[in-house]
């Protein structure tokens, strides 16, 4: 089993920035990729960004150029730097981990991001 603990959500004004963090523990040897999904009220959960152990990344079109995913492999942590935030980025953001890019086998508890003036 893998445990994922997110932090860094909150309230930010449009145009602002936030940085999400997610620390993995447990059977981390089984992880080949980590990522972030989000779910807004009344909408389906969607992939935001993912990164493999080899450094390959995948981003949703809606966040390209604004969000950056990165990892600190020594600390088994994945980050999501979110810049130029928009109200439509408001959602609960979930950290994920799994055997491949975009394959979410393990999920964190979620952290709320609210973009509002």
Protein backbone atom coordinates (compact mmCIF):
# COMPACT_ATOMS: atom_id res chain seq x y z
CA UNK A 1 0.00 0.00 0.00
CA UNK A 2 0.98 3.59 -0.64
CA UNK A 3 -0.12 6.51 1.48
CA UNK A 4 -0.34 9.99 -0.02
CA UNK A 5 -0.64 13.18 2.02
CA UNK A 6 -1.36 16.47 0.25
CA UNK A 7 -0.82 20.02 1.47
CA UNK A 8 -0.83 23.55 0.10
CA UNK A 9 -4.41 24.19 -0.94
CA UNK A 10 -6.31 27.32 -0.01
CA UNK A 11 -7.98 30.49 -1.21
CA UNK A 12 -6.26 32.67 -3.80
CA UNK A 13 -7.30 35.57 -5.99
CA UNK A 14 -7.49 35.24 -9.77
CA UNK A 15 -4.04 35.60 -11.25
CA UNK A 16 -2.39 34.34 -8.10
CA UNK A 17 -0.27 31.27 -7.42
CA UNK A 18 -0.34 28.21 -5.20
CA UNK A 19 1.98 25.27 -4.75
CA UNK A 20 0.60 21.87 -3.85
CA UNK A 21 2.76 19.18 -2.30
CA UNK A 22 2.18 15.47 -1.86
CA UNK A 23 4.37 13.12 0.15
CA UNK A 24 4.28 9.40 -0.55
CA UNK A 25 5.07 6.67 1.94
CA UNK A 26 4.68 2.92 2.22
CA UNK A 27 5.37 0.64 -0.76
CA UNK A 28 6.88 3.40 -2.86
CA UNK A 29 8.94 0.88 -4.86
CA UNK A 30 5.71 0.12 -6.73
CA UNK A 31 5.33 3.71 -7.94
CA UNK A 32 6.49 4.63 -11.43
CA UNK A 33 4.50 7.82 -11.79
CA UNK A 34 2.64 10.40 -9.74
CA UNK A 35 0.11 12.99 -10.66
CA UNK A 36 -2.70 15.35 -9.79
CA UNK A 37 -6.38 15.09 -10.59
CA UNK A 38 -9.08 17.58 -9.74
CA UNK A 39 -12.83 17.58 -9.37
CA UNK A 40 -14.97 20.67 -9.47
CA UNK A 41 -18.55 20.72 -8.15
CA UNK A 42 -20.89 19.06 -10.61
CA UNK A 43 -18.06 17.98 -12.90
CA UNK A 44 -16.17 14.77 -13.55
CA UNK A 45 -12.77 14.20 -12.06
CA UNK A 46 -10.04 15.07 -14.56
CA UNK A 47 -6.31 14.60 -14.91
CA UNK A 48 -4.41 17.84 -14.35
CA UNK A 49 -0.80 16.72 -14.66
CA UNK A 50 1.32 13.62 -14.27
CA UNK A 51 5.02 12.82 -14.15
CA UNK A 52 6.90 9.56 -14.50
CA UNK A 53 10.03 8.47 -12.68
CA UNK A 54 11.89 9.12 -15.91
CA UNK A 55 10.69 12.70 -16.01
CA UNK A 56 8.05 12.43 -18.73
CA UNK A 57 5.10 14.71 -18.12
CA UNK A 58 1.51 15.01 -19.24
CA UNK A 59 -0.72 18.07 -18.77
CA UNK A 60 -4.35 18.87 -19.37
CA UNK A 61 -4.71 21.40 -22.18
CA UNK A 62 -6.45 23.80 -19.81
CA UNK A 63 -3.38 24.12 -17.57
CA UNK A 64 -0.51 23.99 -20.07
CA UNK A 65 1.79 26.96 -19.64
CA UNK A 66 0.35 27.78 -16.21
CA UNK A 67 0.94 24.67 -14.09
CA UNK A 68 4.18 22.77 -13.59
CA UNK A 69 4.53 19.32 -12.05
CA UNK A 70 7.82 18.25 -10.49
CA UNK A 71 9.21 15.72 -8.06
CA UNK A 72 11.77 15.41 -5.32
CA UNK A 73 12.58 11.74 -5.61
CA UNK A 74 14.80 11.77 -2.56
CA UNK A 75 11.80 12.82 -0.48
CA UNK A 76 9.17 10.87 -2.48
CA UNK A 77 7.28 14.09 -3.00
CA UNK A 78 5.45 15.53 -5.97
CA UNK A 79 4.65 19.21 -6.41
CA UNK A 80 2.18 21.14 -8.52
CA UNK A 81 3.10 24.78 -9.06
CA UNK A 82 0.00 26.63 -10.17
CA UNK A 83 0.38 30.12 -11.63
CA UNK A 84 -2.07 32.53 -13.26
CA UNK A 85 -4.91 30.81 -11.48
CA UNK A 86 -8.45 31.25 -12.80
CA UNK A 87 -11.82 30.80 -11.10
CA UNK A 88 -12.36 27.70 -13.23
CA UNK A 89 -9.36 26.10 -11.52
CA UNK A 90 -11.44 25.91 -8.34
CA UNK A 91 -11.71 22.26 -7.35
CA UNK A 92 -10.59 19.60 -4.94
CA UNK A 93 -7.14 18.48 -6.06
CA UNK A 94 -6.11 14.87 -5.50
CA UNK A 95 -2.60 13.47 -5.52
CA UNK A 96 -2.22 10.10 -7.20
CA UNK A 97 0.42 7.45 -7.64
CA UNK A 98 0.61 4.34 -9.77
CA UNK A 99 2.51 2.04 -12.10
CA UNK A 100 2.47 4.34 -15.10
CA UNK A 101 1.91 7.86 -16.36
CA UNK A 102 -1.69 8.84 -15.75
CA UNK A 103 -2.53 5.52 -14.09
CA UNK A 104 -3.87 6.37 -10.65
CA UNK A 105 -3.88 3.38 -8.34
CA UNK A 106 -3.48 5.27 -5.08
CA UNK A 107 -5.24 8.48 -4.09
CA UNK A 108 -4.71 11.15 -1.48
CA UNK A 109 -7.54 12.62 0.57
CA UNK A 110 -7.74 15.77 -1.54
CA UNK A 111 -7.05 19.43 -0.89
CA UNK A 112 -9.37 22.31 -1.74
CA UNK A 113 -8.21 25.05 -4.09
CA UNK A 114 -10.51 28.05 -4.41
CA UNK A 115 -9.81 30.87 -6.84
CA UNK A 116 -12.01 33.83 -6.09
CA UNK A 117 -11.86 37.56 -5.57
